[in-house]
Amino acid sequence: MNSGNYKIGFMLMPHAWRNGIATRACKFMTALAFDELGAHKLTTESYASNQGAMRVLDRNGYAHAGLQKGLLQRRIRRA
């Protein structure tokens, strides 16, 4: 039985950075989880020093949810 909670992630090679690929992939995964899988909460993690990942998550509506030894946890909920 699925509880409606999902975790997503993304990783790109350096030559693919700063092209909007991760932002579009995150947007796609977020929509897929909510619209097709019936999620009510998504979480993701990244290193606190990874500013690119922070920008991707900010652009996709994820909010800061906690810190775990250098990892930032973020989440988004469907209203």
C-alpha atoms as a PDB file:
ATOM      1  CA  MET A   1       0.000   0.000   0.000  1.00  0.00           C
ATOM      2  CA  ASN A   2       1.458   3.331  -1.029  1.00  0.00           C
ATOM      3  CA  SER A   3       1.073   6.200   1.423  1.00  0.00           C
ATOM      4  CA  GLY A   4       1.266   8.977  -1.182  1.00  0.00           C
ATOM      5  CA  ASN A   5       4.762  10.039  -0.100  1.00  0.00           C
ATOM      6  CA  TYR A   6       7.480   9.954  -2.743  1.00  0.00           C
ATOM      7  CA  LYS A   7      11.129  10.939  -2.969  1.00  0.00           C
ATOM      8  CA  ILE A   8      12.664  12.319  -6.160  1.00  0.00           C
ATOM      9  CA  GLY A   9      16.194  13.135  -7.220  1.00  0.00           C
ATOM     10  CA  PHE A  10      18.294  14.268 -10.148  1.00  0.00           C
ATOM     11  CA  MET A  11      21.959  14.255 -11.078  1.00  0.00           C
ATOM     12  CA  LEU A  12      23.657  15.658 -14.161  1.00  0.00           C
ATOM     13  CA  MET A  13      27.180  15.561 -15.479  1.00  0.00           C
ATOM     14  CA  PRO A  14      28.945  18.957 -15.347  1.00  0.00           C
ATOM     15  CA  HIS A  15      28.770  19.486 -19.127  1.00  0.00           C
ATOM     16  CA  ALA A  16      24.938  19.481 -18.827  1.00  0.00           C
ATOM     17  CA  TRP A  17      24.734  22.055 -16.014  1.00  0.00           C
ATOM     18  CA  ARG A  18      23.132  25.480 -16.491  1.00  0.00           C
ATOM     19  CA  ASN A  19      20.974  24.470 -19.463  1.00  0.00           C
ATOM     20  CA  GLY A  20      17.635  24.135 -17.647  1.00  0.00           C
ATOM     21  CA  ILE A  21      17.661  20.358 -17.942  1.00  0.00           C
ATOM     22  CA  ALA A  22      17.414  19.647 -14.201  1.00  0.00           C
ATOM     23  CA  THR A  23      14.716  22.298 -13.764  1.00  0.00           C
ATOM     24  CA  ARG A  24      12.590  20.724 -16.512  1.00  0.00           C
ATOM     25  CA  ALA A  25      13.237  17.195 -15.209  1.00  0.00           C
ATOM     26  CA  CYS A  26      12.246  18.207 -11.681  1.00  0.00           C
ATOM     27  CA  LYS A  27       9.101  19.891 -12.998  1.00  0.00           C
ATOM     28  CA  PHE A  28       8.220  16.733 -14.940  1.00  0.00           C
ATOM     29  CA  MET A  29       8.841  14.382 -11.982  1.00  0.00           C
ATOM     30  CA  THR A  30       6.843  16.639  -9.658  1.00  0.00           C
ATOM     31  CA  ALA A  31       3.861  16.762 -12.025  1.00  0.00           C
ATOM     32  CA  LEU A  32       4.060  13.022 -12.650  1.00  0.00           C
ATOM     33  CA  ALA A  33       4.037  12.228  -8.938  1.00  0.00           C
ATOM     34  CA  PHE A  34       1.084  14.499  -8.138  1.00  0.00           C
ATOM     35  CA  ASP A  35      -0.987  14.084 -11.291  1.00  0.00           C
ATOM     36  CA  GLU A  36      -0.399  10.433 -12.191  1.00  0.00           C
ATOM     37  CA  LEU A  37       0.653   8.736  -8.958  1.00  0.00           C
ATOM     38  CA  GLY A  38      -1.627  10.616  -6.583  1.00  0.00           C
ATOM     39  CA  ALA A  39       1.181  11.848  -4.335  1.00  0.00           C
ATOM     40  CA  HIS A  40       0.386  14.283  -1.572  1.00  0.00           C
ATOM     41  CA  LYS A  41       4.010  14.908  -0.510  1.00  0.00           C
ATOM     42  CA  LEU A  42       7.363  14.755  -2.324  1.00  0.00           C
ATOM     43  CA  THR A  43      10.761  15.023  -0.683  1.00  0.00           C
ATOM     44  CA  THR A  44      14.271  15.401  -2.013  1.00  0.00           C
ATOM     45  CA  GLU A  45      17.746  15.956  -0.601  1.00  0.00           C
ATOM     46  CA  SER A  46      20.857  17.741  -1.737  1.00  0.00           C
ATOM     47  CA  TYR A  47      24.114  18.913  -0.276  1.00  0.00           C
ATOM     48  CA  ALA A  48      23.718  22.328   1.318  1.00  0.00           C
ATOM     49  CA  SER A  49      26.658  23.554  -0.774  1.00  0.00           C
ATOM     50  CA  ASN A  50      24.998  22.559  -4.080  1.00  0.00           C
ATOM     51  CA  GLN A  51      23.622  25.937  -5.127  1.00  0.00           C
ATOM     52  CA  GLY A  52      22.513  24.662  -8.530  1.00  0.00           C
ATOM     53  CA  ALA A  53      20.261  22.053  -6.941  1.00  0.00           C
ATOM     54  CA  MET A  54      18.914  24.690  -4.539  1.00  0.00           C
ATOM     55  CA  ARG A  55      17.931  26.883  -7.506  1.00  0.00           C
ATOM     56  CA  VAL A  56      16.238  23.949  -9.266  1.00  0.00           C
ATOM     57  CA  LEU A  57      14.200  23.125  -6.163  1.00  0.00           C
ATOM     58  CA  ASP A  58      13.299  26.775  -5.521  1.00  0.00           C
ATOM     59  CA  ARG A  59      12.091  27.175  -9.109  1.00  0.00           C
ATOM     60  CA  ASN A  60       9.868  24.131  -8.682  1.00  0.00           C
ATOM     61  CA  GLY A  61       8.231  25.223  -5.433  1.00  0.00           C
ATOM     62  CA  TYR A  62      10.102  23.036  -2.945  1.00  0.00           C
ATOM     63  CA  ALA A  63      10.488  24.441   0.568  1.00  0.00           C
ATOM     64  CA  HIS A  64      13.356  23.937   2.994  1.00  0.00           C
ATOM     65  CA  ALA A  65      12.332  21.262   5.500  1.00  0.00           C
ATOM     66  CA  GLY A  66      15.464  20.442   7.492  1.00  0.00           C
ATOM     67  CA  LEU A  67      19.201  19.944   7.701  1.00  0.00           C
ATOM     68  CA  GLN A  68      21.009  16.648   8.284  1.00  0.00           C
ATOM     69  CA  LYS A  69      24.807  16.851   8.542  1.00  0.00           C
ATOM     70  CA  GLY A  70      25.334  18.896   5.392  1.00  0.00           C
ATOM     71  CA  LEU A  71      22.233  17.658   3.552  1.00  0.00           C
ATOM     72  CA  LEU A  72      19.267  19.939   3.048  1.00  0.00           C
ATOM     73  CA  GLN A  73      15.909  18.239   2.985  1.00  0.00           C
ATOM     74  CA  ARG A  74      13.194  19.893   0.930  1.00  0.00           C
ATOM     75  CA  ARG A  75       9.547  19.079   0.386  1.00  0.00           C
ATOM     76  CA  ILE A  76       6.511  20.142  -1.538  1.00  0.00           C
ATOM     77  CA  ARG A  77       2.866  19.358  -0.783  1.00  0.00           C
ATOM     78  CA  ARG A  78      -0.127  19.452  -3.054  1.00  0.00           C
ATOM     79  CA  ALA A  79      -2.896  21.513  -1.524  1.00  0.00           C
END
